Amino acid sequence: LEKVTPEACCQRELQSQEGMFVDKEACLRGIERFQNRQGCYTVILNSFETYVYLAGALAIGVLAIELFAMIFAMCLFRGIQ
């Protein structure tokens, strides 16, 4: 019984649908280093975990800027009265 690998599991040079295959024949023969072995959910979860700290830091930075802007506006308002 020969193990059949779908073409969609073969690695491409660029991470896009139109990219050329790294080695399509070796992939279809079942050589694992030319295949994508992770599922979409795992890849998306890993990407999310990579960028969640950057997004959090950016949100905290924006929050700090907004807080200082609000304090500055309050000081200006008190100076006008």
N, C-alpha and C. Protein backbone atom coordinates (compact mmCIF):
# COMPACT_ATOMS: atom_id res chain seq x y z
N LEU A 1 0.86 -1.19 0.00
CA LEU A 1 0.00 0.00 0.00
C LEU A 1 0.90 1.24 0.00
N GLU A 2 0.80 2.01 -1.05
CA GLU A 2 1.63 3.21 -1.18
C GLU A 2 0.94 4.40 -0.54
N LYS A 3 1.73 5.16 0.19
CA LYS A 3 1.21 6.36 0.86
C LYS A 3 1.10 7.48 -0.16
N VAL A 4 -0.11 7.99 -0.36
CA VAL A 4 -0.34 9.05 -1.34
C VAL A 4 -0.43 10.39 -0.61
N THR A 5 0.36 11.34 -1.08
CA THR A 5 0.37 12.68 -0.50
C THR A 5 -0.36 13.63 -1.44
N PRO A 6 -1.34 14.39 -0.93
CA PRO A 6 -2.01 15.37 -1.79
C PRO A 6 -1.06 16.49 -2.19
N GLU A 7 -1.28 17.03 -3.36
CA GLU A 7 -0.43 18.12 -3.87
C GLU A 7 -0.49 19.35 -2.97
N ALA A 8 -1.62 19.56 -2.30
CA ALA A 8 -1.78 20.73 -1.44
C ALA A 8 -0.85 20.68 -0.23
N CYS A 9 -0.33 19.51 0.11
CA CYS A 9 0.57 19.38 1.26
C CYS A 9 2.03 19.65 0.90
N CYS A 10 2.33 19.83 -0.37
CA CYS A 10 3.72 20.05 -0.79
C CYS A 10 4.14 21.50 -0.49
N GLN A 11 5.39 21.65 -0.06
CA GLN A 11 5.91 22.99 0.26
C GLN A 11 6.14 23.78 -1.02
N ARG A 12 5.89 25.07 -0.93
CA ARG A 12 6.13 25.98 -2.04
C ARG A 12 7.25 26.93 -1.65
N GLU A 13 7.94 27.48 -2.64
CA GLU A 13 9.05 28.39 -2.37
C GLU A 13 8.57 29.67 -1.71
N LEU A 14 7.49 30.24 -2.20
CA LEU A 14 6.87 31.41 -1.59
C LEU A 14 5.64 30.94 -0.83
N GLN A 15 5.32 31.62 0.25
CA GLN A 15 4.14 31.22 1.02
C GLN A 15 2.88 31.76 0.37
N SER A 16 2.60 31.27 -0.83
CA SER A 16 1.39 31.68 -1.53
C SER A 16 0.93 30.51 -2.39
N GLN A 17 -0.28 30.60 -2.88
CA GLN A 17 -0.82 29.54 -3.72
C GLN A 17 -0.11 29.44 -5.06
N GLU A 18 0.40 30.57 -5.58
CA GLU A 18 0.98 30.59 -6.92
C GLU A 18 2.47 30.26 -6.93
N GLY A 19 3.11 30.14 -5.74
CA GLY A 19 4.55 29.88 -5.68
C GLY A 19 4.92 28.52 -6.26
N MET A 20 6.13 28.40 -6.76
CA MET A 20 6.61 27.14 -7.32
C MET A 20 6.87 26.14 -6.19
N PHE A 21 6.68 24.86 -6.49
CA PHE A 21 6.95 23.81 -5.50
C PHE A 21 8.44 23.71 -5.25
N VAL A 22 8.82 23.41 -4.00
CA VAL A 22 10.23 23.20 -3.67
C VAL A 22 10.73 21.97 -4.41
N ASP A 23 10.08 20.84 -4.23
CA ASP A 23 10.38 19.61 -4.97
C ASP A 23 9.12 18.76 -4.98
N LYS A 24 8.29 18.98 -6.00
CA LYS A 24 6.97 18.35 -6.06
C LYS A 24 7.07 16.83 -6.13
N GLU A 25 8.00 16.32 -6.93
CA GLU A 25 8.11 14.86 -7.10
C GLU A 25 8.50 14.19 -5.78
N ALA A 26 9.48 14.77 -5.08
CA ALA A 26 9.89 14.19 -3.80
C ALA A 26 8.76 14.28 -2.79
N CYS A 27 8.00 15.34 -2.83
CA CYS A 27 6.87 15.50 -1.92
C CYS A 27 5.83 14.43 -2.17
N LEU A 28 5.47 14.21 -3.43
CA LEU A 28 4.45 13.23 -3.76
C LEU A 28 4.92 11.81 -3.48
N ARG A 29 6.24 11.58 -3.48
CA ARG A 29 6.78 10.26 -3.13
C ARG A 29 6.70 10.00 -1.63
N GLY A 30 6.52 11.06 -0.84
CA GLY A 30 6.34 10.89 0.60
C GLY A 30 7.52 11.33 1.44
N ILE A 31 8.48 12.05 0.87
CA ILE A 31 9.62 12.55 1.64
C ILE A 31 9.14 13.74 2.48
N GLU A 32 9.23 13.60 3.79
CA GLU A 32 8.57 14.55 4.70
C GLU A 32 9.16 15.95 4.68
N ARG A 33 10.45 16.10 4.38
CA ARG A 33 11.03 17.45 4.46
C ARG A 33 10.53 18.36 3.35
N PHE A 34 9.85 17.82 2.35
CA PHE A 34 9.26 18.63 1.28
C PHE A 34 7.75 18.78 1.46
N GLN A 35 7.23 18.39 2.62
CA GLN A 35 5.80 18.45 2.87
C GLN A 35 5.50 19.42 4.00
N ASN A 36 4.32 19.99 3.96
CA ASN A 36 3.81 20.79 5.07
C ASN A 36 3.13 19.81 6.02
N ARG A 37 3.65 19.67 7.22
CA ARG A 37 3.14 18.67 8.16
C ARG A 37 2.23 19.27 9.22
N GLN A 38 2.14 20.60 9.31
CA GLN A 38 1.28 21.23 10.30
C GLN A 38 -0.04 21.63 9.65
N GLY A 39 -1.10 21.57 10.43
CA GLY A 39 -2.40 21.99 9.94
C GLY A 39 -2.56 23.50 10.00
N CYS A 40 -3.60 23.99 9.37
CA CYS A 40 -3.84 25.44 9.32
C CYS A 40 -4.05 26.02 10.70
N TYR A 41 -4.79 25.31 11.55
CA TYR A 41 -5.08 25.82 12.90
C TYR A 41 -3.79 26.03 13.67
N THR A 42 -2.87 25.07 13.60
CA THR A 42 -1.59 25.18 14.32
C THR A 42 -0.77 26.35 13.81
N VAL A 43 -0.70 26.52 12.50
CA VAL A 43 0.08 27.62 11.92
C VAL A 43 -0.51 28.97 12.32
N ILE A 44 -1.83 29.10 12.26
CA ILE A 44 -2.48 30.36 12.63
C ILE A 44 -2.29 30.64 14.12
N LEU A 45 -2.41 29.61 14.95
CA LEU A 45 -2.21 29.78 16.39
C LEU A 45 -0.78 30.21 16.70
N ASN A 46 0.20 29.62 16.04
CA ASN A 46 1.60 30.01 16.25
C ASN A 46 1.84 31.45 15.81
N SER A 47 1.25 31.85 14.69
CA SER A 47 1.38 33.23 14.22
C SER A 47 0.76 34.20 15.22
N PHE A 48 -0.40 33.85 15.73
CA PHE A 48 -1.08 34.70 16.70
C PHE A 48 -0.24 34.84 17.96
N GLU A 49 0.33 33.72 18.45
CA GLU A 49 1.15 33.77 19.66
C GLU A 49 2.40 34.62 19.44
N THR A 50 2.91 34.65 18.22
CA THR A 50 4.09 35.44 17.92
C THR A 50 3.79 36.93 18.01
N TYR A 51 2.64 37.36 17.50
CA TYR A 51 2.34 38.79 17.39
C TYR A 51 1.46 39.32 18.50
N VAL A 52 0.98 38.48 19.42
CA VAL A 52 0.08 38.97 20.46
C VAL A 52 0.82 39.92 21.41
N TYR A 53 2.10 39.67 21.68
CA TYR A 53 2.84 40.55 22.57
C TYR A 53 3.10 41.90 21.91
N LEU A 54 3.36 41.90 20.62
CA LEU A 54 3.55 43.15 19.89
C LEU A 54 2.27 43.98 19.91
N ALA A 55 1.14 43.32 19.68
CA ALA A 55 -0.14 44.03 19.70
C ALA A 55 -0.44 44.58 21.10
N GLY A 56 -0.13 43.80 22.13
CA GLY A 56 -0.34 44.27 23.50
C GLY A 56 0.54 45.46 23.84
N ALA A 57 1.80 45.40 23.43
CA ALA A 57 2.71 46.52 23.69
C ALA A 57 2.25 47.77 22.95
N LEU A 58 1.80 47.60 21.73
CA LEU A 58 1.28 48.73 20.96
C LEU A 58 0.05 49.33 21.63
N ALA A 59 -0.84 48.48 22.12
CA ALA A 59 -2.05 48.97 22.80
C ALA A 59 -1.68 49.73 24.07
N ILE A 60 -0.73 49.22 24.84
CA ILE A 60 -0.30 49.91 26.06
C ILE A 60 0.35 51.25 25.72
N GLY A 61 1.14 51.29 24.64
CA GLY A 61 1.74 52.55 24.21
C GLY A 61 0.70 53.59 23.83
N VAL A 62 -0.31 53.18 23.08
CA VAL A 62 -1.38 54.10 22.69
C VAL A 62 -2.15 54.57 23.92
N LEU A 63 -2.39 53.65 24.86
CA LEU A 63 -3.08 54.01 26.09
C LEU A 63 -2.30 55.06 26.87
N ALA A 64 -0.98 54.90 26.97
CA ALA A 64 -0.16 55.87 27.70
C ALA A 64 -0.20 57.23 27.02
N ILE A 65 -0.11 57.27 25.70
CA ILE A 65 -0.17 58.54 24.96
C ILE A 65 -1.51 59.22 25.19
N GLU A 66 -2.60 58.46 25.13
CA GLU A 66 -3.94 59.02 25.36
C GLU A 66 -4.07 59.56 26.79
N LEU A 67 -3.50 58.85 27.74
CA LEU A 67 -3.57 59.28 29.13
C LEU A 67 -2.83 60.60 29.33
N PHE A 68 -1.62 60.71 28.77
CA PHE A 68 -0.87 61.96 28.88
C PHE A 68 -1.57 63.10 28.15
N ALA A 69 -2.19 62.80 27.01
CA ALA A 69 -2.93 63.84 26.27
C ALA A 69 -4.12 64.33 27.09
N MET A 70 -4.79 63.42 27.79
CA MET A 70 -5.93 63.82 28.62
C MET A 70 -5.47 64.68 29.80
N ILE A 71 -4.37 64.30 30.44
CA ILE A 71 -3.84 65.10 31.55
C ILE A 71 -3.43 66.48 31.06
N PHE A 72 -2.77 66.55 29.89
CA PHE A 72 -2.36 67.82 29.31
C PHE A 72 -3.57 68.69 29.00
N ALA A 73 -4.64 68.09 28.45
CA ALA A 73 -5.86 68.84 28.16
C ALA A 73 -6.50 69.37 29.43
N MET A 74 -6.47 68.57 30.50
CA MET A 74 -7.04 69.03 31.77
C MET A 74 -6.23 70.20 32.35
N CYS A 75 -4.90 70.13 32.20
CA CYS A 75 -4.05 71.24 32.68
C CYS A 75 -4.32 72.51 31.87
N LEU A 76 -4.48 72.38 30.57
CA LEU A 76 -4.80 73.54 29.74
C LEU A 76 -6.16 74.14 30.14
N PHE A 77 -7.14 73.28 30.40
CA PHE A 77 -8.46 73.74 30.79
C PHE A 77 -8.41 74.50 32.11
N ARG A 78 -7.63 73.98 33.07
CA ARG A 78 -7.50 74.66 34.36
C ARG A 78 -6.78 75.99 34.19
N GLY A 79 -5.84 76.08 33.22
CA GLY A 79 -5.12 77.32 32.99
C GLY A 79 -5.99 78.39 32.38
N ILE A 80 -6.98 77.99 31.59
CA ILE A 80 -7.88 78.97 30.95
C ILE A 80 -8.84 79.56 31.98
N GLN A 81 -9.30 78.76 32.94
CA GLN A 81 -10.29 79.25 33.92
C GLN A 81 -9.69 80.22 34.90
